[in-house]
Amino acid sequence: MRKIILKTVMLAGVSMAMLGCAVNETATVVVNEDGSVAQVIESNSNVLAANLKIADTKTGFVGNLLKAQVEIKNDSGSALSFQYKFKWLDKSGFEVAIDGRPWQPLTITPHESKVVQGIAPNASVNSFKILVQD
């Protein structure tokens, strides 16, 4: 009887650990040459994708560096804790300053929005992705 209970508990623990790994939602924002902004949201997770939304994005420049502001909204009835980071891209879609920014923790309470900001590492950047993982 103890073996059956132990196996059930271990199976449940392994299942929960697998569900919590590497859940991502990505918003790609491109600043076109005419100054207009295009946004595409990519998701491979039902968990964060169902509850987190990219509510708004704004871009501007600090000198010749792209500045990004992203509003992330929690549409769920419970607090969500996750990590985010900006991924900066040049005109050809190549990542600039790989590993330049660490993951940043963020908690958003139910039905709340929070704004996150970043500044591109150099002037070759014209687009970015914001990566979200739990």
Protein backbone atom coordinates (compact mmCIF):
# COMPACT_ATOMS: atom_id res chain seq x y z
CA MET A 1 0.00 0.00 0.00
CA ARG A 2 2.86 2.37 0.87
CA LYS A 3 4.51 1.67 -2.48
CA ILE A 4 1.33 2.55 -4.38
CA ILE A 5 0.96 5.84 -2.46
CA LEU A 6 4.66 6.66 -2.93
CA LYS A 7 4.47 5.97 -6.69
CA THR A 8 1.34 8.13 -6.99
CA VAL A 9 2.96 11.02 -5.12
CA MET A 10 6.16 10.73 -7.21
CA LEU A 11 4.18 10.62 -10.47
CA ALA A 12 2.19 13.69 -9.44
CA GLY A 13 5.40 15.54 -8.52
CA VAL A 14 7.09 14.73 -11.83
CA SER A 15 3.96 15.77 -13.75
CA MET A 16 3.78 19.11 -11.92
CA ALA A 17 7.47 19.76 -12.53
CA MET A 18 7.06 19.10 -16.25
CA LEU A 19 4.07 21.43 -16.48
CA GLY A 20 6.06 24.25 -14.90
CA CYS A 21 8.99 24.17 -17.33
CA ALA A 22 9.74 26.72 -20.05
CA VAL A 23 6.35 28.19 -20.82
CA ASN A 24 6.75 31.06 -23.30
CA GLU A 25 4.70 33.78 -24.90
CA THR A 26 6.44 36.18 -27.26
CA ALA A 27 5.41 39.52 -28.68
CA THR A 28 7.47 40.65 -31.65
CA VAL A 29 7.45 44.38 -32.34
CA VAL A 30 9.00 45.85 -35.49
CA VAL A 31 9.55 49.56 -36.09
CA ASN A 32 9.18 50.10 -39.84
CA GLU A 33 11.27 52.64 -41.76
CA ASP A 34 8.26 54.99 -41.93
CA GLY A 35 8.04 54.95 -38.12
CA SER A 36 4.94 52.73 -37.94
CA VAL A 37 4.91 49.81 -35.51
CA ALA A 38 3.86 46.24 -36.32
CA GLN A 39 3.17 43.74 -33.52
CA VAL A 40 2.84 39.97 -33.69
CA ILE A 41 2.11 37.81 -30.64
CA GLU A 42 3.49 34.26 -30.74
CA SER A 43 2.62 31.63 -28.16
CA ASN A 44 3.41 27.99 -27.51
CA SER A 45 1.69 27.80 -24.12
CA ASN A 46 -1.93 27.69 -23.10
CA VAL A 47 -1.04 28.59 -19.50
CA LEU A 48 0.43 32.09 -19.87
CA ALA A 49 -1.11 32.73 -23.28
CA ALA A 50 -4.62 32.32 -21.85
CA ASN A 51 -3.98 34.77 -19.01
CA LEU A 52 -1.31 37.27 -20.11
CA LYS A 53 -1.91 39.75 -22.90
CA ILE A 54 0.33 42.35 -24.47
CA ALA A 55 -2.08 45.27 -23.99
CA ASP A 56 0.02 48.00 -25.58
CA THR A 57 3.46 48.70 -26.99
CA LYS A 58 5.13 52.04 -27.51
CA THR A 59 8.44 52.83 -29.09
CA GLY A 60 10.60 55.90 -29.27
CA PHE A 61 14.24 56.83 -29.42
CA VAL A 62 16.77 57.93 -26.84
CA GLY A 63 19.34 59.54 -29.09
CA ASN A 64 19.68 56.89 -31.82
CA LEU A 65 18.74 53.93 -29.58
CA LEU A 66 15.33 52.28 -29.79
CA LYS A 67 13.34 52.53 -26.55
CA ALA A 68 10.51 50.07 -25.94
CA GLN A 69 7.63 50.17 -23.50
CA VAL A 70 5.31 47.18 -23.22
CA GLU A 71 2.14 46.94 -21.14
CA ILE A 72 1.46 43.40 -19.96
CA LYS A 73 -2.02 42.61 -18.62
CA ASN A 74 -3.14 39.75 -16.39
CA ASP A 75 -6.65 38.76 -17.49
CA SER A 76 -6.95 35.98 -14.91
CA GLY A 77 -8.52 35.97 -11.47
CA SER A 78 -5.27 35.05 -9.73
CA ALA A 79 -1.81 36.58 -9.40
CA LEU A 80 0.74 35.52 -12.01
CA SER A 81 4.47 35.39 -11.29
CA PHE A 82 6.78 35.01 -14.27
CA GLN A 83 9.95 36.35 -15.86
CA TYR A 84 10.46 38.53 -18.91
CA LYS A 85 13.29 39.90 -21.02
CA PHE A 86 13.77 41.89 -24.20
CA LYS A 87 15.42 40.32 -27.24
CA TRP A 88 16.80 43.03 -29.56
CA LEU A 89 16.96 42.43 -33.34
CA ASP A 90 18.60 44.26 -36.25
CA LYS A 91 17.02 44.93 -39.69
CA SER A 92 18.01 41.46 -40.89
CA GLY A 93 16.38 39.78 -37.89
CA PHE A 94 19.67 38.88 -36.22
CA GLU A 95 19.80 39.11 -32.45
CA VAL A 96 21.96 41.91 -31.09
CA ALA A 97 23.78 41.60 -27.74
CA ILE A 98 23.02 37.92 -27.23
CA ASP A 99 22.82 37.16 -23.51
CA GLY A 100 22.97 40.90 -22.85
CA ARG A 101 19.98 41.01 -20.52
CA PRO A 102 19.00 38.64 -17.75
CA TRP A 103 15.48 37.43 -17.06
CA GLN A 104 13.57 39.89 -14.86
CA PRO A 105 10.99 38.64 -12.33
CA LEU A 106 7.50 40.20 -12.38
CA THR A 107 4.26 39.54 -10.52
CA ILE A 108 0.96 40.93 -11.74
CA THR A 109 -2.12 40.74 -9.54
CA PRO A 110 -5.53 39.73 -10.97
CA HIS A 111 -6.80 42.02 -13.75
CA GLU A 112 -3.82 44.36 -13.32
CA SER A 113 -1.48 45.75 -15.98
CA LYS A 114 2.21 46.52 -15.56
CA VAL A 115 4.52 48.39 -17.89
CA VAL A 116 8.07 47.20 -18.59
CA GLN A 117 10.69 49.19 -20.49
CA GLY A 118 13.99 48.59 -22.22
CA ILE A 119 16.55 50.44 -24.33
CA ALA A 120 18.34 48.76 -27.23
CA PRO A 121 22.05 48.08 -26.70
CA ASN A 122 23.06 49.79 -29.98
CA ALA A 123 21.76 51.78 -32.95
CA SER A 124 21.51 48.80 -35.32
CA VAL A 125 18.37 47.58 -33.51
CA ASN A 126 15.03 48.23 -35.23
CA SER A 127 12.82 45.58 -33.65
CA PHE A 128 12.47 43.54 -30.50
CA LYS A 129 10.73 40.61 -28.94
CA ILE A 130 9.59 40.45 -25.38
CA LEU A 131 9.94 36.93 -24.02
CA VAL A 132 7.81 35.70 -21.12
CA GLN A 133 8.31 32.49 -19.17
CA ASP A 134 7.14 31.11 -15.84
